[in-house]
Amino acid sequence: MEFKTLKVIFKHLFSFLVLAIFSLSASASIMLKEGHVRAMPASVPNTAAYLTLMNHSDNAVSLVSVTTPVAKEAQLHTLIEENGVVKMRQVEGFDIESHGTLMLQPSGNHIMLLSLTKSLMVGDKVPLTLTFSDGEQLDIELIVAKKSASDIEESHHHHHH
């Protein structure tokens, strides 16, 4: 009788572990490498978020929307040049190749946070929910900063020449 009970317990335990591992791998296919939200003066109603995402899955996917409680709207934007003038345009999504990286940065693609619901101070944490074309969602937190590490590194290179 004990052997049958143990067999049932191990069967359930094995099923649970298989499900847990599958769930974990599905949610961990897109990972945040780094990121920040640009600190702006309190009088400015909008700001931008920059981040690097890594796609560890075997399938290409697109970042299609972002939501956050700190702004009325979050939009995906790119910069384009028209007649020598750089303009910002809203886009439907950003593709991330299988085992690829998506970099959202000040000089290119980024997330605009429009109509902030509160002032963001340096050091504040901003929660964001990223939604992908396959329906997966990723909850992240970005810190509010004046400059990213790469901006600081880049400015150091310019000052030492």
N, C-alpha and C. Protein backbone atom coordinates (compact mmCIF):
# COMPACT_ATOMS: atom_id res chain seq x y z
N MET A 1 0.83 -1.20 0.00
CA MET A 1 0.00 0.00 0.00
C MET A 1 0.86 1.26 0.00
N GLU A 2 1.95 1.24 0.80
CA GLU A 2 2.82 2.41 0.85
C GLU A 2 3.48 2.68 -0.49
N PHE A 3 3.90 1.65 -1.20
CA PHE A 3 4.55 1.81 -2.49
C PHE A 3 3.62 2.52 -3.48
N LYS A 4 2.33 2.12 -3.50
CA LYS A 4 1.36 2.75 -4.41
C LYS A 4 1.16 4.22 -4.04
N THR A 5 1.12 4.52 -2.77
CA THR A 5 0.97 5.91 -2.32
C THR A 5 2.17 6.73 -2.76
N LEU A 6 3.37 6.19 -2.54
CA LEU A 6 4.59 6.89 -2.95
C LEU A 6 4.63 7.08 -4.47
N LYS A 7 4.21 6.07 -5.20
CA LYS A 7 4.19 6.15 -6.66
C LYS A 7 3.29 7.30 -7.12
N VAL A 8 2.12 7.43 -6.51
CA VAL A 8 1.18 8.52 -6.85
C VAL A 8 1.79 9.87 -6.50
N ILE A 9 2.41 9.95 -5.32
CA ILE A 9 3.03 11.21 -4.90
C ILE A 9 4.14 11.60 -5.87
N PHE A 10 5.03 10.66 -6.22
CA PHE A 10 6.12 10.97 -7.15
C PHE A 10 5.60 11.33 -8.54
N LYS A 11 4.53 10.68 -8.96
CA LYS A 11 3.93 10.99 -10.27
C LYS A 11 3.45 12.45 -10.28
N HIS A 12 2.75 12.85 -9.20
CA HIS A 12 2.27 14.24 -9.11
C HIS A 12 3.43 15.23 -8.99
N LEU A 13 4.42 14.86 -8.20
CA LEU A 13 5.59 15.72 -8.03
C LEU A 13 6.32 15.91 -9.36
N PHE A 14 6.50 14.81 -10.11
CA PHE A 14 7.15 14.89 -11.41
C PHE A 14 6.36 15.79 -12.36
N SER A 15 5.03 15.61 -12.40
CA SER A 15 4.18 16.43 -13.27
C SER A 15 4.28 17.90 -12.89
N PHE A 16 4.30 18.18 -11.59
CA PHE A 16 4.42 19.56 -11.12
C PHE A 16 5.75 20.16 -11.56
N LEU A 17 6.85 19.41 -11.38
CA LEU A 17 8.17 19.91 -11.76
C LEU A 17 8.27 20.17 -13.26
N VAL A 18 7.73 19.27 -14.07
CA VAL A 18 7.75 19.46 -15.53
C VAL A 18 6.99 20.74 -15.88
N LEU A 19 5.81 20.92 -15.28
CA LEU A 19 5.03 22.14 -15.54
C LEU A 19 5.76 23.38 -15.08
N ALA A 20 6.37 23.32 -13.89
CA ALA A 20 7.08 24.47 -13.34
C ALA A 20 8.26 24.86 -14.23
N ILE A 21 9.02 23.87 -14.68
CA ILE A 21 10.16 24.15 -15.55
C ILE A 21 9.70 24.73 -16.88
N PHE A 22 8.63 24.18 -17.44
CA PHE A 22 8.11 24.70 -18.71
C PHE A 22 7.63 26.14 -18.53
N SER A 23 6.91 26.42 -17.45
CA SER A 23 6.41 27.77 -17.20
C SER A 23 7.56 28.75 -17.03
N LEU A 24 8.58 28.34 -16.30
CA LEU A 24 9.73 29.19 -16.06
C LEU A 24 10.44 29.50 -17.37
N SER A 25 10.66 28.50 -18.21
CA SER A 25 11.37 28.73 -19.46
C SER A 25 10.55 29.60 -20.40
N ALA A 26 9.24 29.47 -20.37
CA ALA A 26 8.39 30.30 -21.24
C ALA A 26 8.46 31.76 -20.81
N SER A 27 8.42 32.02 -19.51
CA SER A 27 8.43 33.40 -19.05
C SER A 27 9.83 34.01 -19.09
N ALA A 28 10.86 33.18 -19.13
CA ALA A 28 12.23 33.69 -19.12
C ALA A 28 12.82 33.80 -20.53
N SER A 29 11.99 33.66 -21.57
CA SER A 29 12.53 33.72 -22.92
C SER A 29 12.99 35.14 -23.29
N ILE A 30 12.32 36.16 -22.76
CA ILE A 30 12.75 37.55 -22.96
C ILE A 30 13.22 38.06 -21.61
N MET A 31 14.44 38.59 -21.59
CA MET A 31 14.99 39.09 -20.33
C MET A 31 15.51 40.51 -20.48
N LEU A 32 15.33 41.29 -19.43
CA LEU A 32 15.86 42.64 -19.37
C LEU A 32 17.33 42.57 -19.01
N LYS A 33 18.17 43.19 -19.83
CA LYS A 33 19.60 43.23 -19.53
C LYS A 33 19.92 44.49 -18.72
N GLU A 34 19.40 45.62 -19.17
CA GLU A 34 19.63 46.90 -18.48
C GLU A 34 18.62 47.91 -18.98
N GLY A 35 18.50 49.02 -18.26
CA GLY A 35 17.61 50.07 -18.71
C GLY A 35 17.45 51.17 -17.69
N HIS A 36 16.88 52.28 -18.14
CA HIS A 36 16.58 53.39 -17.24
C HIS A 36 15.51 54.28 -17.87
N VAL A 37 14.91 55.11 -17.03
CA VAL A 37 13.98 56.14 -17.48
C VAL A 37 14.71 57.47 -17.33
N ARG A 38 14.64 58.32 -18.36
CA ARG A 38 15.36 59.60 -18.34
C ARG A 38 14.73 60.55 -17.32
N ALA A 39 15.57 61.07 -16.43
CA ALA A 39 15.12 62.08 -15.47
C ALA A 39 14.89 63.39 -16.22
N MET A 40 13.74 64.02 -15.94
CA MET A 40 13.39 65.30 -16.56
C MET A 40 12.95 66.27 -15.47
N PRO A 41 13.00 67.58 -15.73
CA PRO A 41 12.49 68.54 -14.73
C PRO A 41 11.01 68.25 -14.45
N ALA A 42 10.56 68.55 -13.23
CA ALA A 42 9.18 68.26 -12.82
C ALA A 42 8.14 68.91 -13.73
N SER A 43 8.50 70.01 -14.39
CA SER A 43 7.55 70.73 -15.25
C SER A 43 7.34 70.03 -16.60
N VAL A 44 8.18 69.08 -16.94
CA VAL A 44 8.07 68.39 -18.23
C VAL A 44 7.13 67.18 -18.06
N PRO A 45 6.04 67.13 -18.86
CA PRO A 45 5.03 66.08 -18.67
C PRO A 45 5.38 64.73 -19.30
N ASN A 46 6.44 64.64 -20.08
CA ASN A 46 6.80 63.41 -20.78
C ASN A 46 8.25 63.04 -20.51
N THR A 47 8.56 61.77 -20.68
CA THR A 47 9.95 61.33 -20.61
C THR A 47 10.10 60.09 -21.49
N ALA A 48 11.28 59.50 -21.47
CA ALA A 48 11.52 58.32 -22.30
C ALA A 48 12.17 57.22 -21.48
N ALA A 49 11.93 56.00 -21.91
CA ALA A 49 12.56 54.82 -21.29
C ALA A 49 13.47 54.17 -22.32
N TYR A 50 14.63 53.76 -21.86
CA TYR A 50 15.61 53.10 -22.70
C TYR A 50 15.98 51.78 -22.04
N LEU A 51 16.12 50.73 -22.84
CA LEU A 51 16.43 49.43 -22.26
C LEU A 51 17.01 48.50 -23.30
N THR A 52 17.58 47.42 -22.80
CA THR A 52 18.11 46.36 -23.67
C THR A 52 17.42 45.06 -23.27
N LEU A 53 16.79 44.41 -24.25
CA LEU A 53 16.13 43.13 -24.03
C LEU A 53 16.86 42.05 -24.79
N MET A 54 16.93 40.86 -24.20
CA MET A 54 17.54 39.72 -24.87
C MET A 54 16.48 38.64 -25.06
N ASN A 55 16.42 38.09 -26.29
CA ASN A 55 15.46 37.03 -26.61
C ASN A 55 16.21 35.71 -26.58
N HIS A 56 15.93 34.90 -25.56
CA HIS A 56 16.62 33.61 -25.42
C HIS A 56 15.84 32.47 -26.05
N SER A 57 14.76 32.79 -26.78
CA SER A 57 13.95 31.73 -27.38
C SER A 57 14.40 31.43 -28.81
N ASP A 58 13.84 30.38 -29.37
CA ASP A 58 14.14 30.00 -30.75
C ASP A 58 13.23 30.71 -31.74
N ASN A 59 12.36 31.58 -31.26
CA ASN A 59 11.41 32.29 -32.12
C ASN A 59 11.62 33.79 -32.05
N ALA A 60 11.51 34.43 -33.21
CA ALA A 60 11.52 35.89 -33.24
C ALA A 60 10.22 36.36 -32.61
N VAL A 61 10.25 37.52 -31.99
CA VAL A 61 9.07 38.08 -31.34
C VAL A 61 9.16 39.60 -31.48
N SER A 62 8.03 40.29 -31.28
CA SER A 62 8.04 41.75 -31.34
C SER A 62 7.51 42.32 -30.04
N LEU A 63 8.14 43.39 -29.58
CA LEU A 63 7.59 44.18 -28.47
C LEU A 63 6.49 45.03 -29.09
N VAL A 64 5.24 44.85 -28.64
CA VAL A 64 4.12 45.54 -29.30
C VAL A 64 3.44 46.60 -28.45
N SER A 65 3.62 46.54 -27.11
CA SER A 65 3.04 47.61 -26.29
C SER A 65 3.68 47.63 -24.91
N VAL A 66 3.52 48.78 -24.26
CA VAL A 66 4.05 49.00 -22.92
C VAL A 66 3.00 49.75 -22.12
N THR A 67 2.83 49.37 -20.87
CA THR A 67 1.96 50.12 -19.98
C THR A 67 2.73 50.40 -18.69
N THR A 68 2.34 51.48 -18.02
CA THR A 68 2.95 51.85 -16.74
C THR A 68 1.96 52.70 -15.96
N PRO A 69 1.93 52.55 -14.64
CA PRO A 69 1.03 53.38 -13.84
C PRO A 69 1.51 54.83 -13.71
N VAL A 70 2.75 55.15 -14.11
CA VAL A 70 3.26 56.51 -13.93
C VAL A 70 2.97 57.44 -15.11
N ALA A 71 2.33 56.91 -16.17
CA ALA A 71 2.01 57.74 -17.34
C ALA A 71 0.65 57.32 -17.89
N LYS A 72 -0.06 58.29 -18.45
CA LYS A 72 -1.36 57.98 -19.04
C LYS A 72 -1.21 57.11 -20.28
N GLU A 73 -0.05 57.27 -20.97
CA GLU A 73 0.17 56.49 -22.18
C GLU A 73 1.66 56.21 -22.35
N ALA A 74 1.97 55.02 -22.86
CA ALA A 74 3.35 54.68 -23.22
C ALA A 74 3.32 54.26 -24.68
N GLN A 75 4.20 54.86 -25.49
CA GLN A 75 4.22 54.58 -26.92
C GLN A 75 5.61 54.14 -27.35
N LEU A 76 5.64 53.28 -28.36
CA LEU A 76 6.90 52.85 -28.97
C LEU A 76 7.23 53.86 -30.07
N HIS A 77 8.44 54.41 -30.02
CA HIS A 77 8.83 55.46 -30.97
C HIS A 77 10.15 55.13 -31.64
N THR A 78 10.31 55.66 -32.83
CA THR A 78 11.58 55.59 -33.54
C THR A 78 11.93 56.99 -34.03
N LEU A 79 13.17 57.20 -34.40
CA LEU A 79 13.60 58.47 -34.99
C LEU A 79 13.84 58.24 -36.47
N ILE A 80 13.30 59.14 -37.29
CA ILE A 80 13.54 59.08 -38.73
C ILE A 80 14.02 60.44 -39.20
N GLU A 81 14.73 60.44 -40.31
CA GLU A 81 15.20 61.71 -40.88
C GLU A 81 14.42 62.00 -42.15
N GLU A 82 13.81 63.18 -42.18
CA GLU A 82 13.07 63.64 -43.38
C GLU A 82 13.61 65.01 -43.77
N ASN A 83 14.15 65.11 -44.96
CA ASN A 83 14.68 66.38 -45.46
C ASN A 83 15.67 67.01 -44.49
N GLY A 84 16.54 66.20 -43.92
CA GLY A 84 17.57 66.71 -43.02
C GLY A 84 17.08 67.01 -41.61
N VAL A 85 15.80 66.73 -41.32
CA VAL A 85 15.24 66.98 -39.99
C VAL A 85 14.92 65.65 -39.32
N VAL A 86 15.41 65.48 -38.10
CA VAL A 86 15.13 64.24 -37.36
C VAL A 86 13.78 64.40 -36.68
N LYS A 87 12.90 63.42 -36.91
CA LYS A 87 11.56 63.46 -36.34
C LYS A 87 11.28 62.16 -35.59
N MET A 88 10.41 62.27 -34.58
CA MET A 88 10.02 61.09 -33.81
C MET A 88 8.70 60.58 -34.38
N ARG A 89 8.60 59.25 -34.54
CA ARG A 89 7.37 58.63 -35.06
C ARG A 89 6.98 57.44 -34.19
N GLN A 90 5.67 57.30 -33.94
CA GLN A 90 5.18 56.13 -33.23
C GLN A 90 5.20 54.95 -34.18
N VAL A 91 5.57 53.76 -33.66
CA VAL A 91 5.62 52.54 -34.46
C VAL A 91 4.77 51.46 -33.79
N GLU A 92 4.44 50.42 -34.59
CA GLU A 92 3.59 49.32 -34.11
C GLU A 92 4.35 48.35 -33.19
N GLY A 93 5.67 48.25 -33.39
CA GLY A 93 6.44 47.32 -32.57
C GLY A 93 7.90 47.30 -32.96
N PHE A 94 8.68 46.62 -32.12
CA PHE A 94 10.10 46.43 -32.37
C PHE A 94 10.37 44.93 -32.41
N ASP A 95 10.97 44.46 -33.49
CA ASP A 95 11.27 43.04 -33.65
C ASP A 95 12.51 42.66 -32.85
N ILE A 96 12.47 41.46 -32.28
CA ILE A 96 13.63 40.89 -31.61
C ILE A 96 13.85 39.51 -32.21
N GLU A 97 14.94 39.36 -32.93
CA GLU A 97 15.26 38.08 -33.58
C GLU A 97 15.46 36.98 -32.55
N SER A 98 15.32 35.74 -32.98
CA SER A 98 15.62 34.60 -32.13
C SER A 98 17.05 34.71 -31.64
N HIS A 99 17.25 34.60 -30.34
CA HIS A 99 18.55 34.74 -29.69
C HIS A 99 19.20 36.09 -30.00
N GLY A 100 18.36 37.09 -30.26
CA GLY A 100 18.84 38.43 -30.57
C GLY A 100 18.64 39.41 -29.42
N THR A 101 19.04 40.65 -29.67
CA THR A 101 18.97 41.71 -28.67
C THR A 101 18.25 42.91 -29.26
N LEU A 102 17.43 43.54 -28.46
CA LEU A 102 16.76 44.80 -28.82
C LEU A 102 17.32 45.88 -27.93
N MET A 103 17.89 46.92 -28.55
CA MET A 103 18.42 48.05 -27.78
C MET A 103 17.58 49.28 -28.07
N LEU A 104 16.96 49.82 -27.01
CA LEU A 104 16.22 51.07 -27.12
C LEU A 104 17.09 52.13 -26.45
N GLN A 105 17.46 53.17 -27.24
CA GLN A 105 18.43 54.14 -26.75
C GLN A 105 18.10 55.55 -27.22
N PRO A 106 18.71 56.57 -26.59
CA PRO A 106 18.37 57.97 -26.90
C PRO A 106 18.49 58.34 -28.38
N SER A 107 19.42 57.75 -29.10
CA SER A 107 19.64 58.14 -30.49
C SER A 107 18.83 57.30 -31.48
N GLY A 108 17.88 56.50 -30.99
CA GLY A 108 17.13 55.64 -31.90
C GLY A 108 15.77 55.25 -31.35
N ASN A 109 15.46 53.97 -31.42
CA ASN A 109 14.18 53.47 -30.91
C ASN A 109 14.11 53.64 -29.40
N HIS A 110 12.90 53.97 -28.90
CA HIS A 110 12.73 54.18 -27.46
C HIS A 110 11.25 54.08 -27.09
N ILE A 111 10.97 54.15 -25.80
CA ILE A 111 9.60 54.15 -25.29
C ILE A 111 9.32 55.54 -24.74
N MET A 112 8.27 56.19 -25.23
CA MET A 112 7.87 57.49 -24.70
C MET A 112 6.81 57.28 -23.62
N LEU A 113 7.01 57.93 -22.49
CA LEU A 113 6.04 57.92 -21.40
C LEU A 113 5.37 59.29 -21.42
N LEU A 114 4.10 59.32 -21.83
CA LEU A 114 3.38 60.57 -22.08
C LEU A 114 2.37 60.87 -20.97
N SER A 115 2.27 62.15 -20.63
CA SER A 115 1.35 62.62 -19.58
C SER A 115 1.61 61.89 -18.27
N LEU A 116 2.79 62.15 -17.72
CA LEU A 116 3.16 61.52 -16.45
C LEU A 116 2.12 61.83 -15.38
N THR A 117 1.82 60.84 -14.56
CA THR A 117 0.82 61.02 -13.50
C THR A 117 1.45 61.58 -12.22
N LYS A 118 2.80 61.58 -12.17
CA LYS A 118 3.51 62.16 -11.03
C LYS A 118 4.92 62.52 -11.49
N SER A 119 5.56 63.41 -10.74
CA SER A 119 6.95 63.76 -11.06
C SER A 119 7.85 62.58 -10.73
N LEU A 120 8.80 62.33 -11.59
CA LEU A 120 9.76 61.24 -11.37
C LEU A 120 11.09 61.85 -10.95
N MET A 121 11.59 61.40 -9.81
CA MET A 121 12.85 61.90 -9.28
C MET A 121 13.96 60.87 -9.55
N VAL A 122 15.19 61.36 -9.65
CA VAL A 122 16.34 60.46 -9.84
C VAL A 122 16.32 59.42 -8.71
N GLY A 123 16.44 58.15 -9.07
CA GLY A 123 16.44 57.07 -8.10
C GLY A 123 15.08 56.39 -7.95
N ASP A 124 14.00 57.05 -8.43
CA ASP A 124 12.67 56.41 -8.38
C ASP A 124 12.68 55.16 -9.25
N LYS A 125 11.83 54.20 -8.89
CA LYS A 125 11.68 52.99 -9.70
C LYS A 125 10.35 53.08 -10.45
N VAL A 126 10.41 52.80 -11.75
CA VAL A 126 9.24 52.88 -12.62
C VAL A 126 8.86 51.48 -13.08
N PRO A 127 7.67 51.00 -12.68
CA PRO A 127 7.23 49.69 -13.16
C PRO A 127 6.68 49.78 -14.58
N LEU A 128 7.05 48.83 -15.41
CA LEU A 128 6.57 48.77 -16.79
C LEU A 128 6.14 47.34 -17.09
N THR A 129 5.06 47.21 -17.85
CA THR A 129 4.65 45.90 -18.34
C THR A 129 4.83 45.90 -19.84
N LEU A 130 5.72 45.03 -20.32
CA LEU A 130 6.01 44.91 -21.75
C LEU A 130 5.16 43.77 -22.30
N THR A 131 4.48 44.01 -23.43
CA THR A 131 3.67 42.98 -24.06
C THR A 131 4.27 42.66 -25.43
N PHE A 132 4.36 41.35 -25.72
CA PHE A 132 4.98 40.89 -26.95
C PHE A 132 3.95 40.29 -27.89
N SER A 133 4.33 40.14 -29.15
CA SER A 133 3.43 39.67 -30.21
C SER A 133 2.89 38.26 -29.95
N ASP A 134 3.60 37.47 -29.14
CA ASP A 134 3.13 36.12 -28.85
C ASP A 134 2.22 36.08 -27.62
N GLY A 135 1.88 37.26 -27.09
CA GLY A 135 0.99 37.33 -25.94
C GLY A 135 1.70 37.33 -24.60
N GLU A 136 3.00 37.01 -24.60
CA GLU A 136 3.76 37.02 -23.34
C GLU A 136 3.87 38.44 -22.81
N GLN A 137 3.91 38.56 -21.49
CA GLN A 137 4.14 39.84 -20.85
C GLN A 137 5.33 39.73 -19.92
N LEU A 138 6.06 40.83 -19.79
CA LEU A 138 7.21 40.87 -18.91
C LEU A 138 7.09 42.11 -18.04
N ASP A 139 7.03 41.92 -16.73
CA ASP A 139 6.99 43.04 -15.79
C ASP A 139 8.41 43.38 -15.39
N ILE A 140 8.79 44.64 -15.56
CA ILE A 140 10.14 45.09 -15.22
C ILE A 140 10.04 46.37 -14.40
N GLU A 141 11.16 46.76 -13.80
CA GLU A 141 11.27 48.02 -13.09
C GLU A 141 12.52 48.71 -13.57
N LEU A 142 12.40 49.96 -13.98
CA LEU A 142 13.56 50.73 -14.41
C LEU A 142 13.77 51.89 -13.45
N ILE A 143 15.02 52.21 -13.19
CA ILE A 143 15.34 53.31 -12.29
C ILE A 143 15.40 54.61 -13.08
N VAL A 144 15.00 55.70 -12.46
CA VAL A 144 15.07 57.02 -13.09
C VAL A 144 16.50 57.53 -12.93
N ALA A 145 17.13 57.90 -14.05
CA ALA A 145 18.53 58.35 -14.03
C ALA A 145 18.72 59.49 -15.02
N LYS A 146 19.71 60.33 -14.74
CA LYS A 146 20.03 61.42 -15.67
C LYS A 146 20.72 60.89 -16.91
N LYS A 147 21.64 59.92 -16.72
CA LYS A 147 22.38 59.33 -17.84
C LYS A 147 22.51 57.84 -17.61
N SER A 148 22.63 57.11 -18.70
CA SER A 148 22.88 55.67 -18.58
C SER A 148 24.37 55.45 -18.44
N ALA A 149 24.76 54.27 -18.04
CA ALA A 149 26.18 53.94 -17.89
C ALA A 149 26.92 54.13 -19.20
N SER A 150 26.28 53.78 -20.34
CA SER A 150 26.96 53.92 -21.63
C SER A 150 27.14 55.39 -22.00
N ASP A 151 26.18 56.27 -21.61
CA ASP A 151 26.33 57.70 -21.85
C ASP A 151 27.52 58.24 -21.07
N ILE A 152 27.64 57.82 -19.80
CA ILE A 152 28.73 58.27 -18.95
C ILE A 152 30.05 57.77 -19.51
N GLU A 153 30.10 56.50 -19.92
CA GLU A 153 31.31 55.92 -20.49
C GLU A 153 31.69 56.67 -21.76
N GLU A 154 30.69 56.99 -22.59
CA GLU A 154 30.95 57.70 -23.84
C GLU A 154 31.51 59.09 -23.56
N SER A 155 30.94 59.81 -22.55
CA SER A 155 31.42 61.15 -22.25
C SER A 155 32.83 61.10 -21.67
N HIS A 156 33.19 60.04 -20.95
CA HIS A 156 34.55 59.88 -20.45
C HIS A 156 35.53 59.75 -21.61
N HIS A 157 35.14 59.00 -22.65
CA HIS A 157 36.02 58.86 -23.80
C HIS A 157 36.25 60.20 -24.49
N HIS A 158 35.22 61.04 -24.54
CA HIS A 158 35.35 62.33 -25.20
C HIS A 158 36.24 63.28 -24.39
N HIS A 159 36.22 63.19 -23.07
CA HIS A 159 37.00 64.11 -22.22
C HIS A 159 38.46 63.73 -22.13
N HIS A 160 38.80 62.50 -22.42
CA HIS A 160 40.17 62.04 -22.27
C HIS A 160 40.99 62.11 -23.54
N HIS A 161 40.44 62.63 -24.62
CA HIS A 161 41.19 62.70 -25.89
C HIS A 161 42.10 63.88 -25.91
